[in-house]
C-alpha atoms as a PDB file:
ATOM      1  CA  MET A   1      15.418 -84.231  18.938  1.00  0.00           C
ATOM      2  CA  SER A   2      12.591 -81.683  18.726  1.00  0.00           C
ATOM      3  CA  ALA A   3      11.346 -80.261  15.428  1.00  0.00           C
ATOM      4  CA  LYS A   4      12.830 -76.857  16.289  1.00  0.00           C
ATOM      5  CA  ALA A   5      16.218 -78.385  17.011  1.00  0.00           C
ATOM      6  CA  ILE A   6      16.134 -80.340  13.740  1.00  0.00           C
ATOM      7  CA  ILE A   7      15.262 -77.179  11.804  1.00  0.00           C
ATOM      8  CA  ARG A   8      18.133 -75.283  13.472  1.00  0.00           C
ATOM      9  CA  GLU A   9      20.530 -78.100  12.633  1.00  0.00           C
ATOM     10  CA  LEU A  10      19.379 -78.296   9.014  1.00  0.00           C
ATOM     11  CA  SER A  11      19.665 -74.517   8.611  1.00  0.00           C
ATOM     12  CA  THR A  12      23.302 -74.523   9.731  1.00  0.00           C
ATOM     13  CA  GLN A  13      24.187 -77.305   7.286  1.00  0.00           C
ATOM     14  CA  ASN A  14      23.029 -75.305   4.241  1.00  0.00           C
ATOM     15  CA  ILE A  15      21.285 -78.325   2.682  1.00  0.00           C
ATOM     16  CA  SER A  16      19.280 -77.455  -0.424  1.00  0.00           C
ATOM     17  CA  LEU A  17      15.491 -77.299  -0.305  1.00  0.00           C
ATOM     18  CA  TYR A  18      15.484 -79.728  -3.211  1.00  0.00           C
ATOM     19  CA  MET A  19      17.305 -82.343  -1.160  1.00  0.00           C
ATOM     20  CA  LEU A  20      15.182 -81.669   1.916  1.00  0.00           C
ATOM     21  CA  LYS A  21      11.957 -82.060  -0.064  1.00  0.00           C
ATOM     22  CA  ASN A  22      13.051 -85.462  -1.289  1.00  0.00           C
ATOM     23  CA  THR A  23      14.437 -86.813   2.000  1.00  0.00           C
ATOM     24  CA  LEU A  24      12.544 -85.316   4.964  1.00  0.00           C
ATOM     25  CA  PRO A  25       9.135 -86.916   4.201  1.00  0.00           C
ATOM     26  CA  LYS A  26      10.748 -90.371   4.302  1.00  0.00           C
ATOM     27  CA  ILE A  27      12.230 -89.676   7.730  1.00  0.00           C
ATOM     28  CA  HIS A  28       9.669 -87.467   9.474  1.00  0.00           C
ATOM     29  CA  GLY A  29       6.437 -87.990   7.508  1.00  0.00           C
ATOM     30  CA  LYS A  30       4.740 -85.648   5.059  1.00  0.00           C
ATOM     31  CA  ASP A  31       3.146 -83.155   7.474  1.00  0.00           C
ATOM     32  CA  GLN A  32       6.236 -82.685   9.640  1.00  0.00           C
ATOM     33  CA  ALA A  33       8.460 -82.402   6.573  1.00  0.00           C
ATOM     34  CA  LEU A  34       6.271 -79.660   5.078  1.00  0.00           C
ATOM     35  CA  HIS A  35       6.429 -77.749   8.371  1.00  0.00           C
ATOM     36  CA  MET A  36      10.214 -78.032   8.517  1.00  0.00           C
ATOM     37  CA  ILE A  37      10.727 -76.873   4.941  1.00  0.00           C
ATOM     38  CA  LYS A  38       8.332 -73.970   5.509  1.00  0.00           C
ATOM     39  CA  GLU A  39      10.334 -72.807   8.539  1.00  0.00           C
ATOM     40  CA  ILE A  40      13.624 -73.069   6.656  1.00  0.00           C
ATOM     41  CA  CYS A  41      12.153 -71.013   3.793  1.00  0.00           C
ATOM     42  CA  LEU A  42      10.994 -68.328   6.207  1.00  0.00           C
ATOM     43  CA  GLU A  43      14.476 -67.992   7.700  1.00  0.00           C
ATOM     44  CA  ARG A  44      15.535 -66.662   4.240  1.00  0.00           C
ATOM     45  CA  LYS A  45      19.193 -67.604   4.790  1.00  0.00           C
ATOM     46  CA  THR A  46      19.937 -68.573   1.191  1.00  0.00           C
ATOM     47  CA  PRO A  47      18.904 -67.260  -2.244  1.00  0.00           C
ATOM     48  CA  GLU A  48      17.199 -70.627  -2.804  1.00  0.00           C
ATOM     49  CA  ALA A  49      15.080 -70.210   0.324  1.00  0.00           C
ATOM     50  CA  ARG A  50      14.175 -66.613  -0.557  1.00  0.00           C
ATOM     51  CA  GLN A  51      13.379 -67.276  -4.223  1.00  0.00           C
ATOM     52  CA  HIS A  52      12.446 -70.928  -4.774  1.00  0.00           C
ATOM     53  CA  GLY A  53      10.873 -70.924  -1.330  1.00  0.00           C
ATOM     54  CA  MET A  54       7.994 -68.812  -2.634  1.00  0.00           C
ATOM     55  CA  GLU A  55       7.021 -71.577  -5.055  1.00  0.00           C
ATOM     56  CA  PHE A  56       6.979 -74.041  -2.159  1.00  0.00           C
ATOM     57  CA  LEU A  57       4.711 -71.695  -0.198  1.00  0.00           C
ATOM     58  CA  ILE A  58       2.255 -70.974  -3.007  1.00  0.00           C
ATOM     59  CA  VAL A  59       1.896 -74.591  -4.145  1.00  0.00           C
ATOM     60  CA  ASN A  60       1.204 -75.653  -0.563  1.00  0.00           C
ATOM     61  CA  ASP A  61      -1.416 -72.898  -0.033  1.00  0.00           C
ATOM     62  CA  LEU A  62       0.618 -71.098   2.634  1.00  0.00           C
ATOM     63  CA  ASP A  63      -0.693 -67.685   1.615  1.00  0.00           C
ATOM     64  CA  LYS A  64       0.074 -65.802   4.836  1.00  0.00           C
ATOM     65  CA  GLU A  65       3.703 -66.913   4.745  1.00  0.00           C
ATOM     66  CA  LEU A  66       3.940 -66.231   1.009  1.00  0.00           C
ATOM     67  CA  LEU A  67       2.758 -62.629   1.408  1.00  0.00           C
ATOM     68  CA  TRP A  68       5.331 -62.057   4.146  1.00  0.00           C
ATOM     69  CA  MET A  69       8.074 -63.506   1.929  1.00  0.00           C
ATOM     70  CA  ILE A  70       7.003 -61.381  -1.043  1.00  0.00           C
ATOM     71  CA  GLU A  71       7.248 -58.187   1.018  1.00  0.00           C
ATOM     72  CA  GLU A  72      10.626 -59.167   2.455  1.00  0.00           C
ATOM     73  CA  ASN A  73      11.971 -59.905  -1.033  1.00  0.00           C
ATOM     74  CA  LYS A  74      10.646 -56.634  -2.461  1.00  0.00           C
ATOM     75  CA  ARG A  75      12.585 -54.782   0.253  1.00  0.00           C
ATOM     76  CA  SER A  76      15.785 -56.740  -0.377  1.00  0.00           C
ATOM     77  CA  THR A  77      18.942 -55.090  -1.665  1.00  0.00           C
ATOM     78  CA  ASP A  78      19.401 -58.117  -3.953  1.00  0.00           C
ATOM     79  CA  ILE A  79      17.974 -57.483  -7.434  1.00  0.00           C
ATOM     80  CA  MET A  80      17.114 -61.176  -7.853  1.00  0.00           C
ATOM     81  CA  ASP A  81      15.127 -61.237  -4.609  1.00  0.00           C
ATOM     82  CA  ARG A  82      13.236 -58.118  -5.695  1.00  0.00           C
ATOM     83  CA  SER A  83      12.360 -59.386  -9.174  1.00  0.00           C
ATOM     84  CA  TRP A  84      11.185 -62.755  -7.839  1.00  0.00           C
ATOM     85  CA  GLY A  85       9.119 -60.948  -5.219  1.00  0.00           C
ATOM     86  CA  GLN A  86       7.489 -58.825  -7.920  1.00  0.00           C
ATOM     87  CA  LEU A  87       6.697 -61.866 -10.066  1.00  0.00           C
ATOM     88  CA  TYR A  88       5.048 -63.760  -7.232  1.00  0.00           C
ATOM     89  CA  GLU A  89       3.144 -60.662  -6.149  1.00  0.00           C
ATOM     90  CA  ILE A  90       1.687 -60.324  -9.659  1.00  0.00           C
ATOM     91  CA  TYR A  91       0.683 -63.981  -9.767  1.00  0.00           C
ATOM     92  CA  TYR A  92      -0.750 -63.909  -6.238  1.00  0.00           C
ATOM     93  CA  HIS A  93      -2.846 -60.816  -7.011  1.00  0.00           C
ATOM     94  CA  TYR A  94      -4.172 -62.447 -10.172  1.00  0.00           C
ATOM     95  CA  LYS A  95      -4.939 -65.684  -8.358  1.00  0.00           C
ATOM     96  CA  ASN A  96      -6.929 -63.776  -5.745  1.00  0.00           C
ATOM     97  CA  GLY A  97      -8.825 -61.503  -8.108  1.00  0.00           C
ATOM     98  CA  LYS A  98      -6.946 -58.256  -7.501  1.00  0.00           C
ATOM     99  CA  LEU A  99      -5.687 -58.184 -11.101  1.00  0.00           C
ATOM    100  CA  ASN A 100      -7.636 -59.176 -14.194  1.00  0.00           C
ATOM    101  CA  ILE A 101      -6.084 -61.052 -17.106  1.00  0.00           C
ATOM    102  CA  SER A 102      -5.188 -57.937 -19.106  1.00  0.00           C
ATOM    103  CA  GLN A 103      -3.638 -56.199 -16.083  1.00  0.00           C
ATOM    104  CA  THR A 104      -1.611 -59.297 -15.284  1.00  0.00           C
ATOM    105  CA  PHE A 105      -0.192 -59.473 -18.814  1.00  0.00           C
ATOM    106  CA  ASP A 106       0.697 -55.761 -18.600  1.00  0.00           C
ATOM    107  CA  ASN A 107       2.361 -56.099 -15.203  1.00  0.00           C
ATOM    108  CA  LEU A 108       4.449 -59.043 -16.357  1.00  0.00           C
ATOM    109  CA  GLN A 109       5.780 -56.979 -19.260  1.00  0.00           C
ATOM    110  CA  GLU A 110       7.203 -54.449 -16.785  1.00  0.00           C
ATOM    111  CA  ILE A 111       9.442 -56.981 -15.026  1.00  0.00           C
ATOM    112  CA  VAL A 112      13.016 -57.339 -16.280  1.00  0.00           C
ATOM    113  CA  LEU A 113      13.710 -61.075 -16.358  1.00  0.00           C
ATOM    114  CA  VAL A 114      17.217 -62.029 -15.333  1.00  0.00           C
ATOM    115  CA  THR A 115      17.354 -65.829 -15.474  1.00  0.00           C
ATOM    116  CA  GLY A 116      15.986 -68.783 -17.422  1.00  0.00           C
ATOM    117  CA  GLU A 117      14.066 -69.787 -14.306  1.00  0.00           C
ATOM    118  CA  GLN A 118      12.220 -66.474 -14.332  1.00  0.00           C
ATOM    119  CA  GLU A 119      11.462 -66.772 -18.058  1.00  0.00           C
ATOM    120  CA  CYS A 120      10.092 -70.254 -17.417  1.00  0.00           C
ATOM    121  CA  PHE A 121       7.939 -68.994 -14.524  1.00  0.00           C
ATOM    122  CA  VAL A 122       6.522 -66.169 -16.645  1.00  0.00           C
ATOM    123  CA  ASP A 123       5.638 -68.628 -19.420  1.00  0.00           C
ATOM    124  CA  LEU A 124       3.744 -70.658 -16.813  1.00  0.00           C
ATOM    125  CA  ILE A 125       1.764 -67.600 -15.711  1.00  0.00           C
ATOM    126  CA  GLN A 126       1.003 -66.681 -19.315  1.00  0.00           C
ATOM    127  CA  SER A 127      -0.133 -70.251 -19.984  1.00  0.00           C
ATOM    128  CA  ILE A 128      -2.522 -69.957 -17.029  1.00  0.00           C
ATOM    129  CA  LEU A 129      -3.816 -66.619 -18.315  1.00  0.00           C
ATOM    130  CA  TYR A 130      -4.505 -68.008 -21.790  1.00  0.00           C
ATOM    131  CA  TYR A 131      -6.176 -71.059 -20.266  1.00  0.00           C
ATOM    132  CA  ASP A 132      -8.392 -68.960 -17.987  1.00  0.00           C
ATOM    133  CA  SER A 133      -9.414 -66.731 -20.919  1.00  0.00           C
ATOM    134  CA  ASN A 134     -10.318 -69.802 -23.025  1.00  0.00           C
ATOM    135  CA  ARG A 135      -7.719 -68.898 -25.663  1.00  0.00           C
ATOM    136  CA  PHE A 136      -6.612 -72.463 -26.145  1.00  0.00           C
ATOM    137  CA  SER A 137      -4.602 -72.036 -29.335  1.00  0.00           C
ATOM    138  CA  MET A 138      -2.365 -69.581 -27.443  1.00  0.00           C
ATOM    139  CA  PHE A 139      -2.429 -71.840 -24.386  1.00  0.00           C
ATOM    140  CA  ALA A 140      -1.036 -74.672 -26.519  1.00  0.00           C
ATOM    141  CA  VAL A 141       1.808 -72.449 -27.749  1.00  0.00           C
ATOM    142  CA  TYR A 142       2.760 -71.202 -24.294  1.00  0.00           C
ATOM    143  CA  ILE A 143       2.415 -74.484 -22.419  1.00  0.00           C
ATOM    144  CA  ASP A 144       4.759 -76.102 -24.947  1.00  0.00           C
ATOM    145  CA  ARG A 145       7.195 -73.211 -24.633  1.00  0.00           C
ATOM    146  CA  PHE A 146       6.987 -73.461 -20.851  1.00  0.00           C
ATOM    147  CA  LYS A 147       7.704 -77.222 -20.950  1.00  0.00           C
ATOM    148  CA  GLU A 148      10.740 -76.714 -23.210  1.00  0.00           C
ATOM    149  CA  LYS A 149      12.216 -74.164 -20.799  1.00  0.00           C
ATOM    150  CA  LEU A 150      11.274 -76.314 -17.805  1.00  0.00           C
ATOM    151  CA  ASP A 151      13.198 -79.271 -19.230  1.00  0.00           C
ATOM    152  CA  GLU A 152      16.297 -77.072 -19.519  1.00  0.00           C
ATOM    153  CA  LEU A 153      16.333 -76.128 -15.814  1.00  0.00           C
ATOM    154  CA  GLU A 154      18.709 -77.760 -13.384  1.00  0.00           C
ATOM    155  CA  PRO A 155      17.074 -80.013 -10.743  1.00  0.00           C
ATOM    156  CA  SER A 156      15.629 -77.908  -7.947  1.00  0.00           C
ATOM    157  CA  ILE A 157      12.584 -77.604  -5.717  1.00  0.00           C
ATOM    158  CA  LEU A 158      11.365 -74.886  -8.107  1.00  0.00           C
ATOM    159  CA  LYS A 159      11.576 -77.235 -11.079  1.00  0.00           C
ATOM    160  CA  GLU A 160       9.738 -80.004  -9.213  1.00  0.00           C
ATOM    161  CA  TYR A 161       6.847 -77.752  -8.238  1.00  0.00           C
ATOM    162  CA  LEU A 162       6.644 -76.120 -11.666  1.00  0.00           C
ATOM    163  CA  THR A 163       6.413 -79.643 -13.086  1.00  0.00           C
ATOM    164  CA  LEU A 164       3.452 -80.316 -10.789  1.00  0.00           C
ATOM    165  CA  ARG A 165       1.798 -77.121 -11.970  1.00  0.00           C
ATOM    166  CA  TYR A 166       2.324 -78.244 -15.567  1.00  0.00           C
ATOM    167  CA  LYS A 167       0.622 -81.555 -14.781  1.00  0.00           C
ATOM    168  CA  TYR A 168      -2.250 -79.769 -13.028  1.00  0.00           C
ATOM    169  CA  LEU A 169      -2.869 -77.539 -16.042  1.00  0.00           C
ATOM    170  CA  LEU A 170      -2.910 -80.579 -18.301  1.00  0.00           C
ATOM    171  CA  PHE A 171      -5.304 -82.340 -15.928  1.00  0.00           C
ATOM    172  CA  ARG A 172      -7.739 -79.449 -16.267  1.00  0.00           C
ATOM    173  CA  TYR A 173      -7.188 -79.164 -20.024  1.00  0.00           C
ATOM    174  CA  HIS A 174      -7.812 -82.839 -20.771  1.00  0.00           C
ATOM    175  CA  TRP A 175     -10.770 -82.951 -18.356  1.00  0.00           C
ATOM    176  CA  ARG A 176     -12.551 -80.135 -20.145  1.00  0.00           C
ATOM    177  CA  ASN A 177     -11.823 -81.876 -23.466  1.00  0.00           C
ATOM    178  CA  ASN A 178     -13.531 -84.986 -22.085  1.00  0.00           C
ATOM    179  CA  GLU A 179     -10.256 -86.926 -22.315  1.00  0.00           C
ATOM    180  CA  LEU A 180     -10.762 -88.484 -18.933  1.00  0.00           C
ATOM    181  CA  ILE A 181      -8.191 -91.272 -18.903  1.00  0.00           C
ATOM    182  CA  ILE A 182      -5.411 -88.794 -19.670  1.00  0.00           C
ATOM    183  CA  ALA A 183      -6.798 -86.230 -17.215  1.00  0.00           C
ATOM    184  CA  ARG A 184      -7.004 -88.720 -14.357  1.00  0.00           C
ATOM    185  CA  LYS A 185      -3.481 -89.946 -15.053  1.00  0.00           C
ATOM    186  CA  TYR A 186      -2.172 -86.448 -14.360  1.00  0.00           C
ATOM    187  CA  ALA A 187      -4.356 -86.045 -11.255  1.00  0.00           C
ATOM    188  CA  PHE A 188      -3.241 -89.337  -9.703  1.00  0.00           C
ATOM    189  CA  ASN A 189       0.364 -88.472 -10.495  1.00  0.00           C
ATOM    190  CA  ILE A 190       0.023 -85.178  -8.619  1.00  0.00           C
ATOM    191  CA  MET A 191      -1.569 -86.839  -5.590  1.00  0.00           C
ATOM    192  CA  ASN A 192       1.449 -89.124  -5.231  1.00  0.00           C
ATOM    193  CA  GLU A 193       3.592 -86.073  -4.437  1.00  0.00           C
ATOM    194  CA  ASP A 194       4.341 -84.683  -0.978  1.00  0.00           C
ATOM    195  CA  LEU A 195       1.923 -81.751  -1.052  1.00  0.00           C
ATOM    196  CA  SER A 196      -0.125 -79.991   1.602  1.00  0.00           C
ATOM    197  CA  PRO A 197      -3.350 -81.673   2.752  1.00  0.00           C
ATOM    198  CA  GLU A 198      -5.348 -78.772   1.314  1.00  0.00           C
ATOM    199  CA  ARG A 199      -3.817 -79.212  -2.136  1.00  0.00           C
ATOM    200  CA  ILE A 200      -4.427 -82.987  -2.089  1.00  0.00           C
ATOM    201  CA  ALA A 201      -8.029 -82.463  -0.958  1.00  0.00           C
ATOM    202  CA  LYS A 202      -8.659 -80.019  -3.798  1.00  0.00           C
ATOM    203  CA  ILE A 203      -7.394 -82.564  -6.324  1.00  0.00           C
ATOM    204  CA  HIS A 204      -9.731 -85.183  -4.840  1.00  0.00           C
ATOM    205  CA  SER A 205     -12.605 -82.713  -5.143  1.00  0.00           C
ATOM    206  CA  SER A 206     -11.908 -82.036  -8.815  1.00  0.00           C
ATOM    207  CA  LEU A 207     -11.201 -85.676  -9.572  1.00  0.00           C
ATOM    208  CA  ALA A 208     -14.609 -86.644  -8.161  1.00  0.00           C
ATOM    209  CA  LEU A 209     -16.296 -84.511 -10.815  1.00  0.00           C
ATOM    210  CA  THR A 210     -14.545 -86.404 -13.608  1.00  0.00           C
ATOM    211  CA  TYR A 211     -16.624 -89.444 -12.571  1.00  0.00           C
ATOM    212  CA  LEU A 212     -19.896 -87.508 -12.797  1.00  0.00           C
ATOM    213  CA  PHE A 213     -21.260 -89.536 -15.713  1.00  0.00           C
ATOM    214  CA  GLU A 214     -20.039 -92.888 -14.366  1.00  0.00           C
ATOM    215  CA  GLY A 215     -22.474 -93.214 -11.476  1.00  0.00           C
ATOM    216  CA  TYR A 216     -23.076 -91.666  -8.076  1.00  0.00           C
ATOM    217  CA  GLU A 217     -20.909 -94.173  -6.221  1.00  0.00           C
ATOM    218  CA  ALA A 218     -18.020 -93.520  -8.604  1.00  0.00           C
ATOM    219  CA  THR A 219     -17.803 -89.914  -7.387  1.00  0.00           C
ATOM    220  CA  LEU A 220     -18.119 -90.733  -3.697  1.00  0.00           C
ATOM    221  CA  TYR A 221     -14.635 -92.055  -3.012  1.00  0.00           C
ATOM    222  CA  HIS A 222     -12.911 -88.801  -3.962  1.00  0.00           C
ATOM    223  CA  ILE A 223     -15.598 -86.603  -2.392  1.00  0.00           C
ATOM    224  CA  ASN A 224     -15.279 -88.568   0.846  1.00  0.00           C
ATOM    225  CA  GLN A 225     -11.502 -88.267   0.722  1.00  0.00           C
ATOM    226  CA  ALA A 226     -11.741 -84.505   0.227  1.00  0.00           C
ATOM    227  CA  GLN A 227     -14.241 -84.192   3.084  1.00  0.00           C
ATOM    228  CA  ALA A 228     -12.121 -86.264   5.441  1.00  0.00           C
ATOM    229  CA  ILE A 229      -9.017 -84.154   4.778  1.00  0.00           C
ATOM    230  CA  ALA A 230     -10.966 -80.891   5.076  1.00  0.00           C
ATOM    231  CA  GLU A 231     -12.398 -81.966   8.415  1.00  0.00           C
ATOM    232  CA  GLN A 232      -9.134 -83.349   9.775  1.00  0.00           C
ATOM    233  CA  TYR A 233      -7.198 -80.189   8.957  1.00  0.00           C
ATOM    234  CA  ASN A 234     -10.081 -77.759   9.492  1.00  0.00           C
ATOM    235  CA  ILE A 235      -9.918 -76.376   5.947  1.00  0.00           C
ATOM    236  CA  ARG A 236     -13.101 -74.322   6.211  1.00  0.00           C
ATOM    237  CA  SER A 237     -13.043 -72.772   2.751  1.00  0.00           C
ATOM    238  CA  LEU A 238     -12.894 -76.206   1.140  1.00  0.00           C
ATOM    239  CA  GLN A 239     -15.556 -77.575   3.481  1.00  0.00           C
ATOM    240  CA  PHE A 240     -17.844 -74.734   2.387  1.00  0.00           C
ATOM    241  CA  VAL A 241     -17.297 -75.468  -1.318  1.00  0.00           C
ATOM    242  CA  LEU A 242     -17.874 -79.185  -0.853  1.00  0.00           C
ATOM    243  CA  ASP A 243     -21.009 -78.740   1.278  1.00  0.00           C
ATOM    244  CA  ASN A 244     -22.618 -75.993  -0.787  1.00  0.00           C
ATOM    245  CA  HIS A 245     -21.462 -76.626  -4.344  1.00  0.00           C
ATOM    246  CA  ASN A 246     -19.879 -79.980  -5.174  1.00  0.00           C
ATOM    247  CA  ILE A 247     -21.985 -82.328  -3.059  1.00  0.00           C
ATOM    248  CA  PRO A 248     -25.370 -80.696  -3.894  1.00  0.00           C
ATOM    249  CA  PHE A 249     -24.424 -80.588  -7.593  1.00  0.00           C
ATOM    250  CA  ILE A 250     -23.377 -84.241  -7.759  1.00  0.00           C
ATOM    251  CA  SER A 251     -26.366 -85.325  -5.663  1.00  0.00           C
ATOM    252  CA  ALA A 252     -28.817 -83.464  -7.898  1.00  0.00           C
ATOM    253  CA  VAL A 253     -27.308 -84.850 -11.113  1.00  0.00           C
ATOM    254  CA  HIS A 254     -27.863 -88.358  -9.759  1.00  0.00           C
ATOM    255  CA  GLY A 255     -31.234 -87.705  -8.102  1.00  0.00           C
ATOM    256  CA  ARG A 256     -29.877 -88.454  -4.623  1.00  0.00           C
ATOM    257  CA  THR A 257     -31.150 -85.362  -2.827  1.00  0.00           C
ATOM    258  CA  GLU A 258     -32.440 -86.674   0.501  1.00  0.00           C
ATOM    259  CA  GLY A 259     -30.880 -84.715   3.350  1.00  0.00           C
ATOM    260  CA  ILE A 260     -28.853 -82.518   0.976  1.00  0.00           C
ATOM    261  CA  THR A 261     -28.914 -78.766   1.618  1.00  0.00           C
ATOM    262  CA  THR A 262     -26.989 -75.790   0.262  1.00  0.00           C
ATOM    263  CA  LEU A 263     -26.585 -72.055   0.765  1.00  0.00           C
ATOM    264  CA  ASP A 264     -25.986 -71.530  -2.958  1.00  0.00           C
ATOM    265  CA  PRO A 265     -29.174 -70.273  -4.664  1.00  0.00           C
ATOM    266  CA  THR A 266     -28.405 -71.899  -8.020  1.00  0.00           C
ATOM    267  CA  GLU A 267     -27.808 -75.288  -6.430  1.00  0.00           C
ATOM    268  CA  LYS A 268     -30.975 -74.800  -4.369  1.00  0.00           C
ATOM    269  CA  ALA A 269     -32.795 -74.473  -7.685  1.00  0.00           C
ATOM    270  CA  HIS A 270     -31.009 -77.574  -9.012  1.00  0.00           C
ATOM    271  CA  LEU A 271     -32.100 -79.609  -5.989  1.00  0.00           C
ATOM    272  CA  ALA A 272     -35.651 -78.244  -6.263  1.00  0.00           C
ATOM    273  CA  ILE A 273     -35.916 -79.370  -9.899  1.00  0.00           C
ATOM    274  CA  VAL A 274     -34.940 -82.914  -8.988  1.00  0.00           C
ATOM    275  CA  ARG A 275     -37.427 -82.925  -6.092  1.00  0.00           C
ATOM    276  CA  GLY A 276     -40.224 -81.838  -8.405  1.00  0.00           C
ATOM    277  CA  GLU A 277     -40.468 -78.362  -6.861  1.00  0.00           C
ATOM    278  CA  THR A 278     -40.356 -76.687 -10.267  1.00  0.00           C
ATOM    279  CA  GLN A 279     -41.895 -73.364  -9.328  1.00  0.00           C
ATOM    280  CA  GLN A 280     -39.433 -72.876  -6.487  1.00  0.00           C
ATOM    281  CA  ALA A 281     -36.609 -73.453  -8.946  1.00  0.00           C
ATOM    282  CA  LEU A 282     -38.070 -71.052 -11.513  1.00  0.00           C
ATOM    283  CA  ASP A 283     -38.501 -68.357  -8.857  1.00  0.00           C
ATOM    284  CA  ILE A 284     -34.709 -68.450  -8.432  1.00  0.00           C
ATOM    285  CA  LEU A 285     -33.553 -69.025 -12.001  1.00  0.00           C
ATOM    286  CA  GLU A 286     -35.813 -66.583 -13.860  1.00  0.00           C
ATOM    287  CA  LYS A 287     -34.476 -63.688 -11.789  1.00  0.00           C
ATOM    288  CA  ILE A 288     -30.929 -64.221 -13.075  1.00  0.00           C
ATOM    289  CA  GLN A 289     -30.097 -61.504 -15.608  1.00  0.00           C
ATOM    290  CA  ASP A 290     -27.051 -63.012 -17.293  1.00  0.00           C
ATOM    291  CA  PRO A 291     -27.165 -66.777 -16.725  1.00  0.00           C
ATOM    292  CA  THR A 292     -24.099 -68.975 -16.998  1.00  0.00           C
ATOM    293  CA  PRO A 293     -24.206 -72.147 -19.123  1.00  0.00           C
ATOM    294  CA  PHE A 294     -24.863 -74.085 -15.904  1.00  0.00           C
ATOM    295  CA  GLN A 295     -27.755 -71.828 -14.927  1.00  0.00           C
ATOM    296  CA  LEU A 296     -29.203 -72.129 -18.437  1.00  0.00           C
ATOM    297  CA  TYR A 297     -28.943 -75.886 -18.102  1.00  0.00           C
ATOM    298  CA  TYR A 298     -30.918 -75.752 -14.844  1.00  0.00           C
ATOM    299  CA  LEU A 299     -33.512 -73.460 -16.421  1.00  0.00           C
ATOM    300  CA  GLY A 300     -33.883 -75.807 -19.402  1.00  0.00           C
ATOM    301  CA  LEU A 301     -34.328 -78.720 -17.011  1.00  0.00           C
ATOM    302  CA  ALA A 302     -36.987 -76.890 -15.023  1.00  0.00           C
ATOM    303  CA  LYS A 303     -38.942 -75.893 -18.111  1.00  0.00           C
ATOM    304  CA  GLU A 304     -38.125 -79.052 -20.087  1.00  0.00           C
ATOM    305  CA  ASP A 305     -37.267 -76.670 -22.891  1.00  0.00           C
ATOM    306  CA  LYS A 306     -35.101 -77.994 -25.711  1.00  0.00           C
ATOM    307  CA  SER A 307     -34.123 -74.546 -27.022  1.00  0.00           C
ATOM    308  CA  ILE A 308     -32.763 -73.504 -23.618  1.00  0.00           C
ATOM    309  CA  LEU A 309     -30.879 -76.777 -23.207  1.00  0.00           C
ATOM    310  CA  LEU A 310     -29.384 -76.369 -26.678  1.00  0.00           C
ATOM    311  CA  GLU A 311     -28.325 -72.816 -25.856  1.00  0.00           C
ATOM    312  CA  SER A 312     -26.655 -74.143 -22.702  1.00  0.00           C
ATOM    313  CA  TYR A 313     -24.866 -76.812 -24.737  1.00  0.00           C
ATOM    314  CA  PHE A 314     -23.570 -74.380 -27.358  1.00  0.00           C
ATOM    315  CA  ARG A 315     -22.395 -71.945 -24.680  1.00  0.00           C
ATOM    316  CA  PHE A 316     -20.488 -74.709 -22.894  1.00  0.00           C
ATOM    317  CA  VAL A 317     -18.824 -75.564 -26.199  1.00  0.00           C
ATOM    318  CA  ASN A 318     -18.379 -72.164 -27.839  1.00  0.00           C
ATOM    319  CA  GLU A 319     -17.713 -69.943 -24.820  1.00  0.00           C
ATOM    320  CA  LEU A 320     -16.002 -72.305 -22.400  1.00  0.00           C
ATOM    321  CA  SER A 321     -14.719 -75.066 -24.691  1.00  0.00           C
ATOM    322  CA  HIS A 322     -15.878 -77.386 -21.905  1.00  0.00           C
ATOM    323  CA  TYR A 323     -16.890 -80.560 -23.688  1.00  0.00           C
ATOM    324  CA  PHE A 324     -17.199 -82.480 -20.430  1.00  0.00           C
ATOM    325  CA  PHE A 325     -19.911 -80.330 -18.856  1.00  0.00           C
ATOM    326  CA  ALA A 326     -21.521 -79.854 -22.280  1.00  0.00           C
ATOM    327  CA  ARG A 327     -22.657 -83.445 -21.810  1.00  0.00           C
ATOM    328  CA  LEU A 328     -25.134 -82.276 -19.139  1.00  0.00           C
ATOM    329  CA  PRO A 329     -27.662 -80.595 -21.489  1.00  0.00           C
ATOM    330  CA  LEU A 330     -27.155 -83.354 -24.061  1.00  0.00           C
ATOM    331  CA  GLN A 331     -27.921 -85.946 -21.411  1.00  0.00           C
ATOM    332  CA  ALA A 332     -31.016 -83.994 -20.337  1.00  0.00           C
ATOM    333  CA  MET A 333     -32.347 -83.815 -23.896  1.00  0.00           C
ATOM    334  CA  SER A 334     -31.777 -87.526 -24.336  1.00  0.00           C
ATOM    335  CA  ARG A 335     -33.586 -88.242 -21.083  1.00  0.00           C
ATOM    336  CA  LEU A 336     -36.493 -86.059 -22.150  1.00  0.00           C
ATOM    337  CA  ASN A 337     -36.623 -87.865 -25.534  1.00  0.00           C
ATOM    338  CA  MET A 338     -35.761 -84.691 -27.442  1.00  0.00           C
ATOM    339  CA  GLU A 339     -34.176 -85.011 -30.859  1.00  0.00           C
ATOM    340  CA  ILE A 340     -30.622 -83.695 -30.741  1.00  0.00           C
ATOM    341  CA  VAL A 341     -29.207 -81.903 -33.769  1.00  0.00           C
ATOM    342  CA  GLN A 342     -25.637 -80.639 -33.200  1.00  0.00           C
END
């Protein structure tokens, strides 16, 4: 039976997305199962497909289909469809830079929440907003509140994907706190799920960075996995990030720069420092008006300047609360035999 015929048959049987998600991959394989569930969501025959289906689409990076579904739901005569469409539109616009954090909070306040599922979803978005604004005391409050509401939900495809998002947030949180065993546990747990190749590749890419201080080879497995998936599925945006950001960064940190190139000016400077081309690096870095902690780190490396490296360290800690990457300037000062006073 063809995929189209199977999808038609499944649609007529009114089987839940939750059941399909947990059975189709075992029968048809992950990629075919994702395609089938996507098509059933886009048929919009049930409230579950119209509402929970958007979570399936966004988690699996199906942005074109998600935008179509959002517009269809906003035009629906069903108040639930409309409110879900509005919620996902707000989150999508934030995710893609069309709304800032303050605007997103304001827009969420305008939506009348009808169900516990919607309240749970809004708590997730607010947790993400507090995380992204480095307000971690508020993040802790909202992520706990989100988890309590999540636990109260009935089993569904929405609950399963919200659980994955919870784990992903905790992966990022524990990574930045330098709690790597806990962080990796969450990442590996996520990769065991039936997610899109793009989502799995992105986890591999992030996971590689958690091995940054454990040797060059330690990072390679996950970088190679991410590259292989990006090439196989022609995920150009991810290929660009890997080729121009992640791989040059990791290579420079470990002094393995032969044959490595990048279009990113800051990483060009990073590579130049390692190759001993200090002036070339300074020509790039000294033109930056408002340097990030990373760019300050590169500048401190180029100049072998303890005060700049310390400033980078304190900005990683005080502005970003990123104790993992704060190890970079500390490592540089140790390598340069500079006394470190924290």
